[in-house]
């Protein structure tokens, strides 16, 4: 996959998270980042200077954890999640 395709995937994954009301924060953090729940908000922490493959994995992991409440998941996102046949 070319760099443009990778960028398109990140845009698509982020759009799914945005639609679900998930806040995405890019900041310095001591760990690998990931999805957390603070009160009634879901937030994905993305460590500064993370490479695209790591960001893509954080977004995919977050979508998997929230899948039951997301409704329709676009086919390309299901492919990225490794769940092409998923009926979610």
N, C-alpha and C. Protein backbone atom coordinates (compact mmCIF):
# COMPACT_ATOMS: atom_id res chain seq x y z
N UNK A 1 0.85 -1.18 0.00
CA UNK A 1 0.00 0.00 0.00
C UNK A 1 0.89 1.23 0.00
N UNK A 2 0.51 2.22 -0.77
CA UNK A 2 1.31 3.43 -0.83
C UNK A 2 0.99 4.35 0.34
N UNK A 3 1.79 5.40 0.48
CA UNK A 3 1.61 6.32 1.60
C UNK A 3 0.24 6.99 1.54
N UNK A 4 -0.23 7.32 0.34
CA UNK A 4 -1.55 7.96 0.22
C UNK A 4 -2.64 7.02 0.72
N UNK A 5 -2.55 5.72 0.40
CA UNK A 5 -3.53 4.75 0.88
C UNK A 5 -3.53 4.65 2.39
N UNK A 6 -2.33 4.69 2.98
CA UNK A 6 -2.23 4.65 4.44
C UNK A 6 -2.88 5.89 5.04
N UNK A 7 -2.65 7.05 4.44
CA UNK A 7 -3.28 8.29 4.91
C UNK A 7 -4.79 8.19 4.80
N UNK A 8 -5.29 7.65 3.70
CA UNK A 8 -6.73 7.49 3.51
C UNK A 8 -7.33 6.60 4.60
N UNK A 9 -6.62 5.53 4.96
CA UNK A 9 -7.09 4.64 6.01
C UNK A 9 -7.17 5.36 7.35
N UNK A 10 -6.15 6.15 7.66
CA UNK A 10 -6.18 6.90 8.91
C UNK A 10 -7.33 7.89 8.94
N UNK A 11 -7.58 8.55 7.82
CA UNK A 11 -8.70 9.49 7.73
C UNK A 11 -10.02 8.76 7.95
N UNK A 12 -10.18 7.60 7.33
CA UNK A 12 -11.40 6.82 7.47
C UNK A 12 -11.59 6.33 8.90
N UNK A 13 -10.53 5.79 9.50
CA UNK A 13 -10.62 5.32 10.88
C UNK A 13 -10.97 6.46 11.83
N UNK A 14 -10.32 7.59 11.62
CA UNK A 14 -10.59 8.75 12.47
C UNK A 14 -12.04 9.22 12.29
N UNK A 15 -12.55 9.17 11.08
CA UNK A 15 -13.93 9.58 10.83
C UNK A 15 -14.91 8.70 11.60
N UNK A 16 -14.64 7.40 11.66
CA UNK A 16 -15.50 6.48 12.42
C UNK A 16 -15.47 6.87 13.90
N UNK A 17 -14.27 7.14 14.42
CA UNK A 17 -14.15 7.53 15.82
C UNK A 17 -14.82 8.89 16.08
N UNK A 18 -14.61 9.84 15.17
CA UNK A 18 -15.25 11.15 15.31
C UNK A 18 -16.77 11.03 15.34
N UNK A 19 -17.31 10.23 14.43
CA UNK A 19 -18.76 10.03 14.35
C UNK A 19 -19.30 9.45 15.65
N UNK A 20 -18.49 8.63 16.31
CA UNK A 20 -18.91 8.01 17.57
C UNK A 20 -18.69 8.95 18.76
N UNK A 21 -18.17 10.16 18.49
CA UNK A 21 -17.96 11.12 19.56
C UNK A 21 -16.70 10.88 20.38
N UNK A 22 -15.78 10.09 19.83
CA UNK A 22 -14.53 9.80 20.53
C UNK A 22 -13.56 10.97 20.31
N UNK A 23 -13.01 11.46 21.40
CA UNK A 23 -12.03 12.54 21.33
C UNK A 23 -10.65 11.92 21.08
N UNK A 24 -9.87 12.52 20.23
CA UNK A 24 -8.52 12.03 19.94
C UNK A 24 -7.54 13.11 20.37
N UNK A 25 -6.64 12.72 21.26
CA UNK A 25 -5.63 13.65 21.77
C UNK A 25 -4.24 13.15 21.42
N UNK A 26 -3.47 14.02 20.83
CA UNK A 26 -2.08 13.71 20.52
C UNK A 26 -1.22 14.49 21.50
N UNK A 27 -0.58 13.77 22.41
CA UNK A 27 0.21 14.44 23.44
C UNK A 27 1.29 13.52 23.99
N UNK A 28 2.18 14.11 24.74
CA UNK A 28 3.23 13.34 25.39
C UNK A 28 2.61 12.48 26.48
N UNK A 29 2.87 11.19 26.42
CA UNK A 29 2.36 10.31 27.46
C UNK A 29 3.40 9.22 27.71
N UNK A 30 3.35 8.64 28.88
CA UNK A 30 4.36 7.68 29.28
C UNK A 30 4.19 6.29 28.72
N UNK A 31 3.07 6.02 28.09
CA UNK A 31 2.82 4.68 27.59
C UNK A 31 2.68 4.64 26.09
N UNK A 32 1.99 3.61 25.63
CA UNK A 32 1.78 3.40 24.20
C UNK A 32 0.56 4.12 23.68
N UNK A 33 -0.23 4.71 24.58
CA UNK A 33 -1.47 5.36 24.17
C UNK A 33 -2.60 4.36 24.13
N UNK A 34 -3.77 4.83 23.72
CA UNK A 34 -4.92 3.95 23.60
C UNK A 34 -6.19 4.61 24.09
N UNK A 35 -7.26 3.83 24.09
CA UNK A 35 -8.59 4.29 24.45
C UNK A 35 -8.77 4.27 25.97
N UNK A 36 -9.29 5.37 26.49
CA UNK A 36 -9.64 5.43 27.91
C UNK A 36 -11.03 6.05 28.03
N UNK A 37 -11.68 5.76 29.11
CA UNK A 37 -13.00 6.36 29.40
C UNK A 37 -12.81 7.27 30.60
N UNK A 38 -13.13 8.55 30.43
CA UNK A 38 -13.08 9.51 31.51
C UNK A 38 -14.48 10.08 31.69
N UNK A 39 -15.13 9.68 32.77
CA UNK A 39 -16.51 10.08 32.98
C UNK A 39 -17.38 9.52 31.88
N UNK A 40 -18.03 10.40 31.13
CA UNK A 40 -18.90 9.95 30.05
C UNK A 40 -18.23 10.10 28.68
N UNK A 41 -16.93 10.35 28.66
CA UNK A 41 -16.21 10.57 27.39
C UNK A 41 -15.23 9.44 27.11
N UNK A 42 -15.14 9.08 25.83
CA UNK A 42 -14.11 8.16 25.36
C UNK A 42 -13.03 8.99 24.69
N UNK A 43 -11.77 8.73 25.06
CA UNK A 43 -10.65 9.48 24.52
C UNK A 43 -9.58 8.50 24.07
N UNK A 44 -9.05 8.73 22.86
CA UNK A 44 -7.90 7.96 22.39
C UNK A 44 -6.68 8.86 22.54
N UNK A 45 -5.74 8.41 23.36
CA UNK A 45 -4.48 9.13 23.52
C UNK A 45 -3.47 8.57 22.52
N UNK A 46 -2.91 9.46 21.70
CA UNK A 46 -1.92 9.09 20.70
C UNK A 46 -0.61 9.78 21.10
N UNK A 47 0.43 9.01 21.44
CA UNK A 47 1.70 9.65 21.79
C UNK A 47 2.23 10.51 20.65
N UNK A 48 2.76 11.67 21.02
CA UNK A 48 3.38 12.54 20.01
C UNK A 48 4.44 11.77 19.24
N UNK A 49 4.60 12.09 18.01
CA UNK A 49 5.62 11.51 17.13
C UNK A 49 5.40 10.02 16.86
N UNK A 50 4.17 9.54 17.04
CA UNK A 50 3.86 8.15 16.72
C UNK A 50 3.88 7.95 15.21
N UNK A 51 4.37 6.82 14.78
CA UNK A 51 4.38 6.46 13.36
C UNK A 51 2.96 6.08 12.94
N UNK A 52 2.68 6.24 11.64
CA UNK A 52 1.34 5.93 11.14
C UNK A 52 0.87 4.51 11.46
N UNK A 53 1.73 3.49 11.34
CA UNK A 53 1.25 2.15 11.68
C UNK A 53 0.78 2.04 13.14
N UNK A 54 1.46 2.74 14.04
CA UNK A 54 1.05 2.69 15.45
C UNK A 54 -0.28 3.43 15.65
N UNK A 55 -0.43 4.57 15.00
CA UNK A 55 -1.69 5.32 15.10
C UNK A 55 -2.83 4.49 14.53
N UNK A 56 -2.60 3.86 13.38
CA UNK A 56 -3.63 3.01 12.78
C UNK A 56 -4.04 1.90 13.74
N UNK A 57 -3.06 1.29 14.42
CA UNK A 57 -3.37 0.21 15.36
C UNK A 57 -4.16 0.74 16.56
N UNK A 58 -3.79 1.92 17.07
CA UNK A 58 -4.55 2.51 18.17
C UNK A 58 -6.00 2.76 17.77
N UNK A 59 -6.20 3.31 16.58
CA UNK A 59 -7.56 3.57 16.09
C UNK A 59 -8.33 2.27 15.92
N UNK A 60 -7.71 1.26 15.32
CA UNK A 60 -8.38 -0.03 15.12
C UNK A 60 -8.74 -0.67 16.46
N UNK A 61 -7.81 -0.66 17.40
CA UNK A 61 -8.09 -1.24 18.72
C UNK A 61 -9.26 -0.53 19.40
N UNK A 62 -9.30 0.79 19.25
CA UNK A 62 -10.38 1.57 19.86
C UNK A 62 -11.72 1.24 19.22
N UNK A 63 -11.74 1.14 17.90
CA UNK A 63 -12.98 0.80 17.20
C UNK A 63 -13.46 -0.58 17.61
N UNK A 64 -12.55 -1.53 17.73
CA UNK A 64 -12.94 -2.88 18.16
C UNK A 64 -13.59 -2.85 19.53
N UNK A 65 -13.02 -2.07 20.45
CA UNK A 65 -13.57 -2.00 21.81
C UNK A 65 -14.95 -1.34 21.84
N UNK A 66 -15.20 -0.44 20.90
CA UNK A 66 -16.46 0.30 20.87
C UNK A 66 -17.46 -0.25 19.85
N UNK A 67 -17.10 -1.30 19.16
CA UNK A 67 -17.89 -1.79 18.02
C UNK A 67 -19.37 -1.97 18.32
N UNK A 68 -19.71 -2.45 19.48
CA UNK A 68 -21.12 -2.72 19.80
C UNK A 68 -21.95 -1.45 19.79
N UNK A 69 -21.33 -0.31 20.05
CA UNK A 69 -22.09 0.94 20.12
C UNK A 69 -21.92 1.82 18.88
N UNK A 70 -21.20 1.34 17.87
CA UNK A 70 -20.90 2.17 16.71
C UNK A 70 -21.91 2.10 15.59
N UNK A 71 -22.71 1.06 15.53
CA UNK A 71 -23.62 0.90 14.40
C UNK A 71 -22.87 0.43 13.17
N UNK A 72 -23.16 1.06 12.04
CA UNK A 72 -22.55 0.64 10.77
C UNK A 72 -21.05 0.93 10.76
N UNK A 73 -20.28 -0.08 10.39
CA UNK A 73 -18.83 0.07 10.21
C UNK A 73 -18.56 -0.12 8.71
N UNK A 74 -17.95 0.88 8.05
CA UNK A 74 -17.68 0.75 6.61
C UNK A 74 -16.85 -0.49 6.29
N UNK A 75 -17.08 -1.08 5.12
CA UNK A 75 -16.35 -2.30 4.74
C UNK A 75 -14.83 -2.17 4.83
N UNK A 76 -14.26 -1.04 4.40
CA UNK A 76 -12.80 -0.88 4.47
C UNK A 76 -12.32 -0.90 5.91
N UNK A 77 -13.09 -0.32 6.81
CA UNK A 77 -12.72 -0.35 8.22
C UNK A 77 -12.76 -1.78 8.74
N UNK A 78 -13.78 -2.53 8.36
CA UNK A 78 -13.85 -3.94 8.77
C UNK A 78 -12.63 -4.71 8.26
N UNK A 79 -12.18 -4.40 7.04
CA UNK A 79 -10.96 -5.03 6.52
C UNK A 79 -9.76 -4.68 7.39
N UNK A 80 -9.64 -3.42 7.75
CA UNK A 80 -8.51 -3.00 8.58
C UNK A 80 -8.56 -3.66 9.96
N UNK A 81 -9.77 -3.94 10.43
CA UNK A 81 -9.92 -4.62 11.72
C UNK A 81 -9.66 -6.12 11.60
N UNK A 82 -9.54 -6.60 10.36
CA UNK A 82 -9.33 -8.03 10.16
C UNK A 82 -10.61 -8.82 10.28
N UNK A 83 -11.74 -8.15 10.05
CA UNK A 83 -13.05 -8.77 10.23
C UNK A 83 -13.91 -8.56 9.00
N UNK A 84 -13.43 -8.99 7.85
CA UNK A 84 -14.13 -8.75 6.59
C UNK A 84 -15.54 -9.30 6.59
N UNK A 85 -15.77 -10.40 7.29
CA UNK A 85 -17.08 -11.04 7.27
C UNK A 85 -17.96 -10.62 8.46
N UNK A 86 -17.53 -9.62 9.19
CA UNK A 86 -18.23 -9.19 10.39
C UNK A 86 -19.56 -8.55 10.03
N UNK A 87 -20.61 -8.89 10.74
CA UNK A 87 -21.94 -8.33 10.49
C UNK A 87 -22.24 -7.13 11.35
N UNK A 88 -21.31 -6.76 12.31
CA UNK A 88 -21.50 -5.68 13.26
C UNK A 88 -22.28 -4.58 12.73
